[in-house]
Amino acid sequence: MKTKDFIDFLATGAGPAPAPNTTKKLRTALLTGLIASLGIGLLVNGVVITPSAFAGRWFKLAYAMSVLTAGWILVKQLSRPISRVSKPLWGLVLAVLVMFGFGATDLLSVSVEQYDALFFGQSWLMCSLLILLFSLPALAAALWTMRTLAPTRLRLAGFSAGIFAGAQGALGYFLICPEDSFLFVAVWYTLGMVLSGLLGMLLGPRVLQW
C-alpha cells in the first residue's frame, strides 16, 4: 500500500481531533488549590470566621479575588499554544494599581508619625512569606494541570500559574491576617503574590516543557 493511500485509510471517518477540556482541568486545579489554601488558613486560625470578620476584611478578599480572576484568565490562555494575554495582564496591573491607590488614601488620612504603623503593621515580617507558603499547593496543582495541556511560552505560563496560586495563598492568609491597613495589603500581599509568580516563572521551563 502506498504511503498516501495508508494515510487516507487512517484518516477515513476520523473526524476532528478532540479538543482538550482546558476549563474543566483548570477548575479542578483551582478547587484543589483553594481547598488547600483556605484549609491551611482555617487550621492556623483555629476558629470559624464570622460574617463580621469578613466585613472588616472585605478589601483583602476583593484584592485577592481580583488578582485571582486575572490569574485564571492568564493561566487559561497560556495553556494553549496561541494565546493573547494583553488584556488579563493589564487587568492584573489595574488591580494592583487600584490597591496601591487605596494605600495612598491611607497615607493622606493620617499623620506622618503613623506611616510606619500603616506600612509595617504587626506582621510584615511573616505576611509575604506565609502567602507564598500558603500558595504552594495551588502552584503545584496549577503547574501539574498546565503540564497536561499545551503551553509554549513557558516562563510566562509559569509566572501566570504563580500569580494564580499566589492569589489563592492570599485568600488563605487573609483568614488569619490581623492588619486593617490598605497600604499594608498593597505592599505585603502584592509581594507575596509576586514571589509566588517568580517561583512559578523559575519552575515553568522545567516543569511545563513537553
N, C-alpha and C. Protein backbone atom coordinates (compact mmCIF):
# COMPACT_ATOMS: atom_id res chain seq x y z
N MET A 1 0.85 -1.19 0.00
CA MET A 1 0.00 0.00 0.00
C MET A 1 0.89 1.24 0.00
N LYS A 2 0.57 2.21 -0.84
CA LYS A 2 1.33 3.44 -0.90
C LYS A 2 1.10 4.28 0.36
N THR A 3 2.09 5.10 0.67
CA THR A 3 2.00 5.92 1.89
C THR A 3 0.78 6.81 1.89
N LYS A 4 0.51 7.44 0.74
CA LYS A 4 -0.65 8.34 0.66
C LYS A 4 -1.95 7.58 0.89
N ASP A 5 -2.04 6.39 0.29
CA ASP A 5 -3.24 5.58 0.49
C ASP A 5 -3.39 5.16 1.95
N PHE A 6 -2.27 4.85 2.60
CA PHE A 6 -2.31 4.46 4.01
C PHE A 6 -2.79 5.61 4.89
N ILE A 7 -2.29 6.81 4.60
CA ILE A 7 -2.71 8.00 5.37
C ILE A 7 -4.20 8.24 5.15
N ASP A 8 -4.65 8.14 3.91
CA ASP A 8 -6.08 8.32 3.62
C ASP A 8 -6.92 7.29 4.35
N PHE A 9 -6.42 6.05 4.43
CA PHE A 9 -7.13 4.99 5.12
C PHE A 9 -7.27 5.29 6.62
N LEU A 10 -6.16 5.76 7.22
CA LEU A 10 -6.19 6.07 8.64
C LEU A 10 -7.11 7.25 8.94
N ALA A 11 -7.18 8.20 8.00
CA ALA A 11 -7.95 9.41 8.24
C ALA A 11 -9.43 9.25 7.92
N THR A 12 -9.80 8.16 7.28
CA THR A 12 -11.19 7.98 6.87
C THR A 12 -12.11 7.92 8.08
N GLY A 13 -13.04 8.85 8.13
CA GLY A 13 -14.03 8.87 9.21
C GLY A 13 -13.46 9.25 10.56
N ALA A 14 -12.23 9.75 10.58
CA ALA A 14 -11.62 10.06 11.87
C ALA A 14 -12.25 11.29 12.52
N GLY A 15 -12.64 12.27 11.68
CA GLY A 15 -13.21 13.49 12.23
C GLY A 15 -12.14 14.35 12.87
N PRO A 16 -12.52 15.51 13.39
CA PRO A 16 -11.53 16.40 14.01
C PRO A 16 -10.99 15.83 15.31
N ALA A 17 -9.76 16.19 15.59
CA ALA A 17 -9.16 15.74 16.86
C ALA A 17 -9.90 16.38 18.02
N PRO A 18 -10.18 15.63 19.08
CA PRO A 18 -10.89 16.21 20.22
C PRO A 18 -10.05 17.29 20.90
N ALA A 19 -10.69 18.40 21.23
CA ALA A 19 -10.01 19.49 21.93
C ALA A 19 -9.90 19.16 23.41
N PRO A 20 -8.78 19.46 24.01
CA PRO A 20 -8.64 19.20 25.45
C PRO A 20 -9.59 20.08 26.25
N ASN A 21 -10.14 19.53 27.31
CA ASN A 21 -11.09 20.28 28.13
C ASN A 21 -10.30 21.13 29.12
N THR A 22 -9.78 22.24 28.59
CA THR A 22 -8.90 23.10 29.38
C THR A 22 -9.61 23.64 30.62
N THR A 23 -10.81 24.17 30.41
CA THR A 23 -11.53 24.80 31.51
C THR A 23 -11.80 23.83 32.64
N LYS A 24 -12.25 22.61 32.29
CA LYS A 24 -12.56 21.61 33.31
C LYS A 24 -11.32 21.25 34.11
N LYS A 25 -10.19 21.07 33.44
CA LYS A 25 -8.96 20.72 34.14
C LYS A 25 -8.50 21.83 35.07
N LEU A 26 -8.60 23.07 34.58
CA LEU A 26 -8.15 24.20 35.40
C LEU A 26 -9.10 24.45 36.57
N ARG A 27 -10.38 24.17 36.38
CA ARG A 27 -11.32 24.29 37.51
C ARG A 27 -10.95 23.31 38.61
N THR A 28 -10.55 22.12 38.21
CA THR A 28 -10.13 21.13 39.20
C THR A 28 -8.89 21.62 39.95
N ALA A 29 -7.95 22.22 39.21
CA ALA A 29 -6.74 22.76 39.84
C ALA A 29 -7.10 23.90 40.79
N LEU A 30 -8.04 24.75 40.36
CA LEU A 30 -8.47 25.87 41.20
C LEU A 30 -9.12 25.37 42.49
N LEU A 31 -10.00 24.39 42.35
CA LEU A 31 -10.68 23.84 43.52
C LEU A 31 -9.68 23.21 44.48
N THR A 32 -8.73 22.47 43.93
CA THR A 32 -7.70 21.84 44.76
C THR A 32 -6.89 22.88 45.52
N GLY A 33 -6.46 23.92 44.79
CA GLY A 33 -5.67 24.97 45.41
C GLY A 33 -6.42 25.74 46.48
N LEU A 34 -7.69 26.05 46.21
CA LEU A 34 -8.50 26.80 47.17
C LEU A 34 -8.74 25.99 48.44
N ILE A 35 -9.06 24.72 48.26
CA ILE A 35 -9.29 23.87 49.43
C ILE A 35 -8.03 23.82 50.29
N ALA A 36 -6.87 23.66 49.65
CA ALA A 36 -5.62 23.58 50.40
C ALA A 36 -5.30 24.90 51.09
N SER A 37 -5.38 26.02 50.35
CA SER A 37 -5.00 27.32 50.92
C SER A 37 -5.96 27.75 52.02
N LEU A 38 -7.26 27.64 51.76
CA LEU A 38 -8.25 28.02 52.78
C LEU A 38 -8.20 27.06 53.96
N GLY A 39 -7.94 25.79 53.67
CA GLY A 39 -7.84 24.81 54.75
C GLY A 39 -6.69 25.13 55.68
N ILE A 40 -5.54 25.52 55.10
CA ILE A 40 -4.39 25.89 55.92
C ILE A 40 -4.74 27.12 56.76
N GLY A 41 -5.39 28.10 56.13
CA GLY A 41 -5.77 29.31 56.85
C GLY A 41 -6.69 29.03 58.01
N LEU A 42 -7.70 28.20 57.79
CA LEU A 42 -8.63 27.86 58.86
C LEU A 42 -7.96 27.05 59.95
N LEU A 43 -7.05 26.16 59.54
CA LEU A 43 -6.35 25.34 60.52
C LEU A 43 -5.46 26.20 61.41
N VAL A 44 -4.74 27.13 60.80
CA VAL A 44 -3.88 28.01 61.57
C VAL A 44 -4.70 28.94 62.45
N ASN A 45 -5.81 29.42 61.90
CA ASN A 45 -6.66 30.35 62.65
C ASN A 45 -7.30 29.67 63.85
N GLY A 46 -7.74 28.43 63.65
CA GLY A 46 -8.27 27.66 64.76
C GLY A 46 -9.69 27.97 65.14
N VAL A 47 -10.32 28.93 64.45
CA VAL A 47 -11.70 29.26 64.75
C VAL A 47 -12.48 29.44 63.46
N VAL A 48 -13.80 29.42 63.59
CA VAL A 48 -14.66 29.67 62.44
C VAL A 48 -14.72 31.18 62.20
N ILE A 49 -14.57 31.60 60.95
CA ILE A 49 -14.61 33.02 60.62
C ILE A 49 -16.05 33.50 60.60
N THR A 50 -16.34 34.56 61.34
CA THR A 50 -17.68 35.09 61.43
C THR A 50 -17.95 36.08 60.30
N PRO A 51 -19.22 36.33 59.97
CA PRO A 51 -19.55 37.31 58.93
C PRO A 51 -18.98 38.69 59.23
N SER A 52 -18.96 39.09 60.50
CA SER A 52 -18.42 40.40 60.85
C SER A 52 -16.94 40.50 60.54
N ALA A 53 -16.23 39.38 60.72
CA ALA A 53 -14.80 39.37 60.40
C ALA A 53 -14.59 39.54 58.91
N PHE A 54 -15.44 38.88 58.09
CA PHE A 54 -15.36 39.05 56.65
C PHE A 54 -15.61 40.50 56.26
N ALA A 55 -16.59 41.12 56.92
CA ALA A 55 -16.93 42.50 56.60
C ALA A 55 -15.75 43.42 56.85
N GLY A 56 -15.02 43.18 57.93
CA GLY A 56 -13.87 44.01 58.24
C GLY A 56 -12.68 43.76 57.33
N ARG A 57 -12.69 42.65 56.63
CA ARG A 57 -11.56 42.29 55.77
C ARG A 57 -11.93 42.31 54.29
N TRP A 58 -12.99 42.98 53.94
CA TRP A 58 -13.52 42.91 52.58
C TRP A 58 -12.49 43.30 51.52
N PHE A 59 -11.64 44.29 51.82
CA PHE A 59 -10.71 44.77 50.80
C PHE A 59 -9.62 43.75 50.51
N LYS A 60 -9.26 42.94 51.51
CA LYS A 60 -8.29 41.88 51.28
C LYS A 60 -8.88 40.81 50.37
N LEU A 61 -10.13 40.46 50.65
CA LEU A 61 -10.84 39.48 49.83
C LEU A 61 -11.01 39.99 48.41
N ALA A 62 -11.43 41.27 48.27
CA ALA A 62 -11.64 41.84 46.95
C ALA A 62 -10.35 41.87 46.14
N TYR A 63 -9.26 42.24 46.79
CA TYR A 63 -7.97 42.31 46.10
C TYR A 63 -7.52 40.92 45.64
N ALA A 64 -7.57 39.97 46.54
CA ALA A 64 -7.16 38.61 46.18
C ALA A 64 -8.03 38.04 45.06
N MET A 65 -9.33 38.30 45.10
CA MET A 65 -10.23 37.80 44.07
C MET A 65 -9.97 38.47 42.73
N SER A 66 -9.63 39.76 42.75
CA SER A 66 -9.31 40.46 41.50
C SER A 66 -8.06 39.87 40.85
N VAL A 67 -7.03 39.63 41.66
CA VAL A 67 -5.80 39.03 41.13
C VAL A 67 -6.06 37.60 40.68
N LEU A 68 -6.89 36.88 41.43
CA LEU A 68 -7.22 35.50 41.07
C LEU A 68 -7.94 35.45 39.72
N THR A 69 -8.84 36.38 39.49
CA THR A 69 -9.56 36.42 38.22
C THR A 69 -8.61 36.66 37.05
N ALA A 70 -7.72 37.64 37.20
CA ALA A 70 -6.74 37.90 36.15
C ALA A 70 -5.82 36.69 35.96
N GLY A 71 -5.41 36.07 37.07
CA GLY A 71 -4.55 34.90 37.00
C GLY A 71 -5.23 33.72 36.32
N TRP A 72 -6.52 33.54 36.59
CA TRP A 72 -7.29 32.47 35.96
C TRP A 72 -7.29 32.63 34.44
N ILE A 73 -7.56 33.85 33.97
CA ILE A 73 -7.60 34.09 32.54
C ILE A 73 -6.22 33.89 31.92
N LEU A 74 -5.18 34.37 32.60
CA LEU A 74 -3.82 34.18 32.10
C LEU A 74 -3.47 32.70 31.98
N VAL A 75 -3.75 31.94 33.03
CA VAL A 75 -3.43 30.51 33.01
C VAL A 75 -4.21 29.80 31.90
N LYS A 76 -5.47 30.15 31.76
CA LYS A 76 -6.29 29.51 30.72
C LYS A 76 -5.76 29.83 29.33
N GLN A 77 -5.38 31.09 29.11
CA GLN A 77 -4.87 31.48 27.80
C GLN A 77 -3.50 30.86 27.52
N LEU A 78 -2.64 30.87 28.52
CA LEU A 78 -1.27 30.40 28.31
C LEU A 78 -1.14 28.88 28.34
N SER A 79 -2.24 28.19 28.58
CA SER A 79 -2.23 26.73 28.49
C SER A 79 -2.38 26.26 27.05
N ARG A 80 -2.52 27.22 26.13
CA ARG A 80 -2.65 26.91 24.71
C ARG A 80 -1.51 27.55 23.94
N PRO A 81 -1.16 26.97 22.78
CA PRO A 81 -0.02 27.49 22.01
C PRO A 81 -0.20 28.93 21.54
N ILE A 82 -1.36 29.29 21.04
CA ILE A 82 -1.61 30.64 20.54
C ILE A 82 -2.49 31.35 21.55
N SER A 83 -1.96 32.36 22.19
CA SER A 83 -2.69 33.00 23.27
C SER A 83 -2.50 34.50 23.25
N ARG A 84 -3.55 35.20 23.57
CA ARG A 84 -3.49 36.65 23.72
C ARG A 84 -3.65 36.98 25.21
N VAL A 85 -2.68 37.63 25.75
CA VAL A 85 -2.68 37.83 27.20
C VAL A 85 -2.60 39.31 27.60
N SER A 86 -2.67 40.20 26.64
CA SER A 86 -2.51 41.61 26.98
C SER A 86 -3.63 42.10 27.90
N LYS A 87 -4.87 41.70 27.63
CA LYS A 87 -5.99 42.17 28.45
C LYS A 87 -5.90 41.67 29.89
N PRO A 88 -5.69 40.36 30.13
CA PRO A 88 -5.57 39.93 31.54
C PRO A 88 -4.35 40.50 32.22
N LEU A 89 -3.26 40.73 31.49
CA LEU A 89 -2.08 41.36 32.10
C LEU A 89 -2.38 42.79 32.54
N TRP A 90 -3.09 43.52 31.69
CA TRP A 90 -3.49 44.87 32.06
C TRP A 90 -4.49 44.84 33.21
N GLY A 91 -5.36 43.84 33.21
CA GLY A 91 -6.29 43.69 34.33
C GLY A 91 -5.56 43.44 35.63
N LEU A 92 -4.50 42.65 35.58
CA LEU A 92 -3.68 42.39 36.76
C LEU A 92 -3.00 43.67 37.24
N VAL A 93 -2.43 44.41 36.31
CA VAL A 93 -1.77 45.68 36.66
C VAL A 93 -2.79 46.65 37.26
N LEU A 94 -3.99 46.69 36.67
CA LEU A 94 -5.02 47.60 37.18
C LEU A 94 -5.41 47.25 38.61
N ALA A 95 -5.56 45.95 38.90
CA ALA A 95 -5.92 45.53 40.26
C ALA A 95 -4.87 45.99 41.26
N VAL A 96 -3.59 45.85 40.89
CA VAL A 96 -2.50 46.27 41.78
C VAL A 96 -2.51 47.79 41.96
N LEU A 97 -2.69 48.53 40.87
CA LEU A 97 -2.69 49.99 40.95
C LEU A 97 -3.84 50.50 41.80
N VAL A 98 -5.01 49.88 41.65
CA VAL A 98 -6.16 50.30 42.46
C VAL A 98 -5.87 50.07 43.94
N MET A 99 -5.27 48.93 44.27
CA MET A 99 -4.95 48.65 45.66
C MET A 99 -3.94 49.65 46.20
N PHE A 100 -2.94 49.99 45.40
CA PHE A 100 -1.97 50.99 45.85
C PHE A 100 -2.62 52.38 45.93
N GLY A 101 -3.63 52.62 45.10
CA GLY A 101 -4.37 53.86 45.23
C GLY A 101 -5.08 53.97 46.56
N PHE A 102 -5.70 52.87 46.98
CA PHE A 102 -6.31 52.85 48.32
C PHE A 102 -5.25 53.03 49.40
N GLY A 103 -4.07 52.42 49.18
CA GLY A 103 -2.99 52.58 50.14
C GLY A 103 -2.56 54.05 50.26
N ALA A 104 -2.55 54.76 49.14
CA ALA A 104 -2.20 56.17 49.16
C ALA A 104 -3.22 56.98 49.97
N THR A 105 -4.49 56.60 49.88
CA THR A 105 -5.50 57.32 50.67
C THR A 105 -5.26 57.11 52.17
N ASP A 106 -4.74 55.95 52.53
CA ASP A 106 -4.37 55.72 53.94
C ASP A 106 -3.34 56.74 54.40
N LEU A 107 -2.33 56.96 53.57
CA LEU A 107 -1.27 57.89 53.94
C LEU A 107 -1.79 59.32 54.06
N LEU A 108 -2.73 59.66 53.20
CA LEU A 108 -3.27 61.02 53.22
C LEU A 108 -4.18 61.27 54.41
N SER A 109 -4.64 60.20 55.04
CA SER A 109 -5.62 60.36 56.12
C SER A 109 -5.01 60.34 57.51
N VAL A 110 -3.68 60.15 57.59
CA VAL A 110 -3.04 60.08 58.91
C VAL A 110 -1.83 61.01 58.95
N SER A 111 -1.30 61.18 60.12
CA SER A 111 -0.10 62.00 60.28
C SER A 111 1.14 61.19 59.92
N VAL A 112 2.24 61.90 59.70
CA VAL A 112 3.49 61.24 59.31
C VAL A 112 3.94 60.23 60.36
N GLU A 113 3.66 60.50 61.62
CA GLU A 113 4.08 59.60 62.69
C GLU A 113 3.41 58.23 62.61
N GLN A 114 2.31 58.15 61.90
CA GLN A 114 1.57 56.89 61.80
C GLN A 114 1.92 56.09 60.55
N TYR A 115 2.80 56.63 59.73
CA TYR A 115 3.14 55.95 58.47
C TYR A 115 3.72 54.55 58.72
N ASP A 116 4.63 54.43 59.68
CA ASP A 116 5.26 53.13 59.96
C ASP A 116 4.22 52.09 60.36
N ALA A 117 3.24 52.50 61.16
CA ALA A 117 2.21 51.55 61.60
C ALA A 117 1.38 51.07 60.42
N LEU A 118 1.07 51.97 59.49
CA LEU A 118 0.30 51.58 58.31
C LEU A 118 1.11 50.67 57.40
N PHE A 119 2.39 50.98 57.25
CA PHE A 119 3.24 50.24 56.31
C PHE A 119 3.65 48.87 56.85
N PHE A 120 4.10 48.84 58.09
CA PHE A 120 4.64 47.59 58.65
C PHE A 120 3.61 46.79 59.42
N GLY A 121 2.62 47.46 60.03
CA GLY A 121 1.65 46.75 60.82
C GLY A 121 2.30 45.94 61.93
N GLN A 122 1.70 44.78 62.23
CA GLN A 122 2.25 43.90 63.25
C GLN A 122 2.94 42.67 62.65
N SER A 123 2.71 42.45 61.36
CA SER A 123 3.08 41.13 60.82
C SER A 123 3.78 41.19 59.47
N TRP A 124 4.43 42.31 59.15
CA TRP A 124 5.05 42.43 57.84
C TRP A 124 6.15 41.40 57.61
N LEU A 125 6.83 41.00 58.68
CA LEU A 125 7.92 40.04 58.53
C LEU A 125 7.45 38.68 58.03
N MET A 126 6.22 38.31 58.37
CA MET A 126 5.75 36.98 58.01
C MET A 126 4.69 36.98 56.90
N CYS A 127 4.08 38.12 56.62
CA CYS A 127 2.94 38.15 55.71
C CYS A 127 3.28 37.59 54.34
N SER A 128 4.25 38.18 53.65
CA SER A 128 4.57 37.76 52.28
C SER A 128 5.04 36.31 52.23
N LEU A 129 5.85 35.92 53.22
CA LEU A 129 6.36 34.55 53.26
C LEU A 129 5.22 33.55 53.45
N LEU A 130 4.28 33.87 54.34
CA LEU A 130 3.16 32.96 54.57
C LEU A 130 2.25 32.88 53.35
N ILE A 131 2.05 33.98 52.66
CA ILE A 131 1.26 33.93 51.43
C ILE A 131 1.93 33.00 50.42
N LEU A 132 3.25 33.11 50.31
CA LEU A 132 3.99 32.20 49.42
C LEU A 132 3.81 30.75 49.85
N LEU A 133 3.96 30.48 51.14
CA LEU A 133 3.82 29.11 51.64
C LEU A 133 2.40 28.59 51.44
N PHE A 134 1.41 29.44 51.70
CA PHE A 134 0.01 29.04 51.51
C PHE A 134 -0.28 28.74 50.04
N SER A 135 0.49 29.35 49.14
CA SER A 135 0.21 29.20 47.71
C SER A 135 0.83 27.95 47.10
N LEU A 136 1.74 27.30 47.82
CA LEU A 136 2.48 26.19 47.21
C LEU A 136 1.59 25.04 46.72
N PRO A 137 0.58 24.60 47.50
CA PRO A 137 -0.29 23.54 46.95
C PRO A 137 -1.01 23.98 45.68
N ALA A 138 -1.46 25.23 45.65
CA ALA A 138 -2.15 25.73 44.46
C ALA A 138 -1.19 25.83 43.28
N LEU A 139 0.04 26.23 43.53
CA LEU A 139 1.04 26.31 42.46
C LEU A 139 1.33 24.93 41.89
N ALA A 140 1.49 23.95 42.77
CA ALA A 140 1.74 22.59 42.31
C ALA A 140 0.57 22.08 41.46
N ALA A 141 -0.66 22.36 41.90
CA ALA A 141 -1.84 21.92 41.15
C ALA A 141 -1.92 22.61 39.79
N ALA A 142 -1.63 23.92 39.76
CA ALA A 142 -1.71 24.67 38.51
C ALA A 142 -0.65 24.20 37.52
N LEU A 143 0.59 24.03 37.98
CA LEU A 143 1.66 23.59 37.08
C LEU A 143 1.42 22.17 36.58
N TRP A 144 0.95 21.31 37.47
CA TRP A 144 0.66 19.93 37.07
C TRP A 144 -0.42 19.91 35.99
N THR A 145 -1.44 20.73 36.16
CA THR A 145 -2.53 20.77 35.19
C THR A 145 -2.06 21.36 33.86
N MET A 146 -1.32 22.45 33.91
CA MET A 146 -0.82 23.07 32.68
C MET A 146 0.12 22.13 31.93
N ARG A 147 0.81 21.28 32.66
CA ARG A 147 1.72 20.32 32.03
C ARG A 147 0.96 19.34 31.14
N THR A 148 -0.30 19.07 31.47
CA THR A 148 -1.11 18.14 30.68
C THR A 148 -1.75 18.83 29.48
N LEU A 149 -1.56 20.15 29.35
CA LEU A 149 -2.14 20.90 28.25
C LEU A 149 -1.03 21.25 27.26
N ALA A 150 -1.05 22.43 26.68
CA ALA A 150 -0.07 22.71 25.63
C ALA A 150 0.51 24.12 25.74
N PRO A 151 1.10 24.47 26.87
CA PRO A 151 1.74 25.80 26.97
C PRO A 151 3.01 25.86 26.13
N THR A 152 3.29 27.00 25.56
CA THR A 152 4.51 27.18 24.77
C THR A 152 5.39 28.30 25.31
N ARG A 153 4.78 29.30 25.91
CA ARG A 153 5.55 30.42 26.50
C ARG A 153 5.78 30.07 27.97
N LEU A 154 6.79 29.25 28.20
CA LEU A 154 6.88 28.54 29.47
C LEU A 154 7.17 29.44 30.67
N ARG A 155 8.01 30.44 30.50
CA ARG A 155 8.29 31.33 31.64
C ARG A 155 7.05 32.15 32.01
N LEU A 156 6.39 32.69 30.99
CA LEU A 156 5.19 33.47 31.26
C LEU A 156 4.07 32.59 31.79
N ALA A 157 3.98 31.37 31.26
CA ALA A 157 2.97 30.43 31.76
C ALA A 157 3.25 30.08 33.22
N GLY A 158 4.52 29.87 33.56
CA GLY A 158 4.88 29.59 34.95
C GLY A 158 4.58 30.77 35.85
N PHE A 159 4.86 31.99 35.35
CA PHE A 159 4.56 33.19 36.14
C PHE A 159 3.06 33.32 36.37
N SER A 160 2.26 33.07 35.33
CA SER A 160 0.81 33.16 35.48
C SER A 160 0.30 32.13 36.47
N ALA A 161 0.86 30.92 36.44
CA ALA A 161 0.47 29.89 37.41
C ALA A 161 0.82 30.34 38.82
N GLY A 162 1.98 31.02 38.97
CA GLY A 162 2.38 31.51 40.27
C GLY A 162 1.48 32.62 40.80
N ILE A 163 1.09 33.53 39.93
CA ILE A 163 0.18 34.60 40.33
C ILE A 163 -1.19 34.02 40.68
N PHE A 164 -1.65 33.10 39.87
CA PHE A 164 -2.91 32.40 40.11
C PHE A 164 -2.88 31.71 41.47
N ALA A 165 -1.77 31.04 41.77
CA ALA A 165 -1.62 30.36 43.05
C ALA A 165 -1.42 31.36 44.19
N GLY A 166 -0.66 32.42 43.93
CA GLY A 166 -0.41 33.42 44.95
C GLY A 166 -1.69 34.07 45.44
N ALA A 167 -2.63 34.31 44.52
CA ALA A 167 -3.92 34.88 44.91
C ALA A 167 -4.69 33.91 45.81
N GLN A 168 -4.57 32.62 45.53
CA GLN A 168 -5.21 31.63 46.40
C GLN A 168 -4.53 31.59 47.77
N GLY A 169 -3.21 31.73 47.77
CA GLY A 169 -2.49 31.82 49.04
C GLY A 169 -2.91 33.04 49.84
N ALA A 170 -3.15 34.15 49.15
CA ALA A 170 -3.61 35.37 49.83
C ALA A 170 -5.00 35.18 50.41
N LEU A 171 -5.85 34.43 49.70
CA LEU A 171 -7.19 34.14 50.22
C LEU A 171 -7.09 33.32 51.51
N GLY A 172 -6.16 32.38 51.52
CA GLY A 172 -5.98 31.59 52.74
C GLY A 172 -5.39 32.41 53.87
N TYR A 173 -4.44 33.29 53.53
CA TYR A 173 -3.78 34.07 54.57
C TYR A 173 -4.69 35.14 55.16
N PHE A 174 -5.58 35.70 54.35
CA PHE A 174 -6.41 36.79 54.86
C PHE A 174 -7.30 36.33 56.02
N LEU A 175 -7.51 35.01 56.13
CA LEU A 175 -8.31 34.49 57.24
C LEU A 175 -7.62 34.69 58.58
N ILE A 176 -6.29 34.82 58.57
CA ILE A 176 -5.56 34.97 59.83
C ILE A 176 -4.86 36.31 59.94
N CYS A 177 -4.99 37.15 58.93
CA CYS A 177 -4.26 38.42 58.90
C CYS A 177 -4.90 39.43 59.86
N PRO A 178 -4.12 40.00 60.78
CA PRO A 178 -4.68 40.93 61.76
C PRO A 178 -4.69 42.38 61.29
N GLU A 179 -4.15 42.66 60.10
CA GLU A 179 -3.96 44.04 59.67
C GLU A 179 -5.24 44.63 59.07
N ASP A 180 -5.38 45.96 59.21
CA ASP A 180 -6.55 46.63 58.63
C ASP A 180 -6.14 47.85 57.80
N SER A 181 -4.90 47.84 57.29
CA SER A 181 -4.37 48.94 56.51
C SER A 181 -4.37 48.59 55.02
N PHE A 182 -4.92 49.48 54.20
CA PHE A 182 -4.87 49.30 52.75
C PHE A 182 -3.42 49.27 52.27
N LEU A 183 -2.60 50.14 52.85
CA LEU A 183 -1.20 50.21 52.43
C LEU A 183 -0.47 48.91 52.73
N PHE A 184 -0.72 48.33 53.89
CA PHE A 184 -0.10 47.06 54.24
C PHE A 184 -0.45 45.99 53.22
N VAL A 185 -1.71 45.90 52.88
CA VAL A 185 -2.16 44.89 51.92
C VAL A 185 -1.55 45.15 50.54
N ALA A 186 -1.53 46.42 50.14
CA ALA A 186 -0.98 46.76 48.82
C ALA A 186 0.48 46.33 48.71
N VAL A 187 1.25 46.53 49.77
CA VAL A 187 2.68 46.22 49.70
C VAL A 187 2.97 44.75 49.95
N TRP A 188 2.52 44.23 51.08
CA TRP A 188 2.98 42.91 51.51
C TRP A 188 2.19 41.77 50.88
N TYR A 189 0.90 41.95 50.63
CA TYR A 189 0.14 40.94 49.89
C TYR A 189 0.67 40.85 48.46
N THR A 190 0.90 42.02 47.86
CA THR A 190 1.42 42.03 46.49
C THR A 190 2.78 41.34 46.42
N LEU A 191 3.64 41.63 47.38
CA LEU A 191 4.96 40.98 47.40
C LEU A 191 4.82 39.47 47.50
N GLY A 192 3.93 38.99 48.36
CA GLY A 192 3.73 37.55 48.49
C GLY A 192 3.28 36.90 47.20
N MET A 193 2.35 37.56 46.50
CA MET A 193 1.86 37.01 45.24
C MET A 193 2.92 37.08 44.15
N VAL A 194 3.72 38.16 44.15
CA VAL A 194 4.81 38.27 43.18
C VAL A 194 5.87 37.19 43.43
N LEU A 195 6.18 36.92 44.69
CA LEU A 195 7.13 35.84 45.00
C LEU A 195 6.63 34.50 44.45
N SER A 196 5.34 34.24 44.60
CA SER A 196 4.77 33.02 44.03
C SER A 196 4.89 33.03 42.51
N GLY A 197 4.65 34.21 41.90
CA GLY A 197 4.79 34.32 40.45
C GLY A 197 6.22 34.06 39.99
N LEU A 198 7.19 34.60 40.73
CA LEU A 198 8.59 34.40 40.37
C LEU A 198 9.00 32.93 40.53
N LEU A 199 8.49 32.28 41.57
CA LEU A 199 8.77 30.85 41.73
C LEU A 199 8.18 30.07 40.56
N GLY A 200 6.96 30.43 40.17
CA GLY A 200 6.35 29.77 39.01
C GLY A 200 7.15 30.02 37.74
N MET A 201 7.66 31.24 37.57
CA MET A 201 8.48 31.55 36.40
C MET A 201 9.77 30.73 36.39
N LEU A 202 10.34 30.52 37.57
CA LEU A 202 11.55 29.71 37.67
C LEU A 202 11.28 28.25 37.34
N LEU A 203 10.13 27.74 37.80
CA LEU A 203 9.81 26.32 37.60
C LEU A 203 9.22 26.05 36.22
N GLY A 204 8.60 27.06 35.62
CA GLY A 204 7.88 26.85 34.37
C GLY A 204 8.66 26.14 33.28
N PRO A 205 9.85 26.64 32.90
CA PRO A 205 10.60 25.98 31.82
C PRO A 205 10.98 24.53 32.13
N ARG A 206 11.11 24.20 33.41
CA ARG A 206 11.49 22.84 33.78
C ARG A 206 10.29 21.91 33.86
N VAL A 207 9.20 22.43 34.40
CA VAL A 207 8.03 21.59 34.66
C VAL A 207 7.10 21.49 33.45
N LEU A 208 6.99 22.58 32.69
CA LEU A 208 5.97 22.64 31.65
C LEU A 208 6.48 22.21 30.28
N GLN A 209 7.77 21.97 30.14
CA GLN A 209 8.31 21.61 28.83
C GLN A 209 7.73 20.27 28.37
N TRP A 210 7.35 20.19 27.11
CA TRP A 210 6.74 18.97 26.58
C TRP A 210 7.30 18.67 25.19
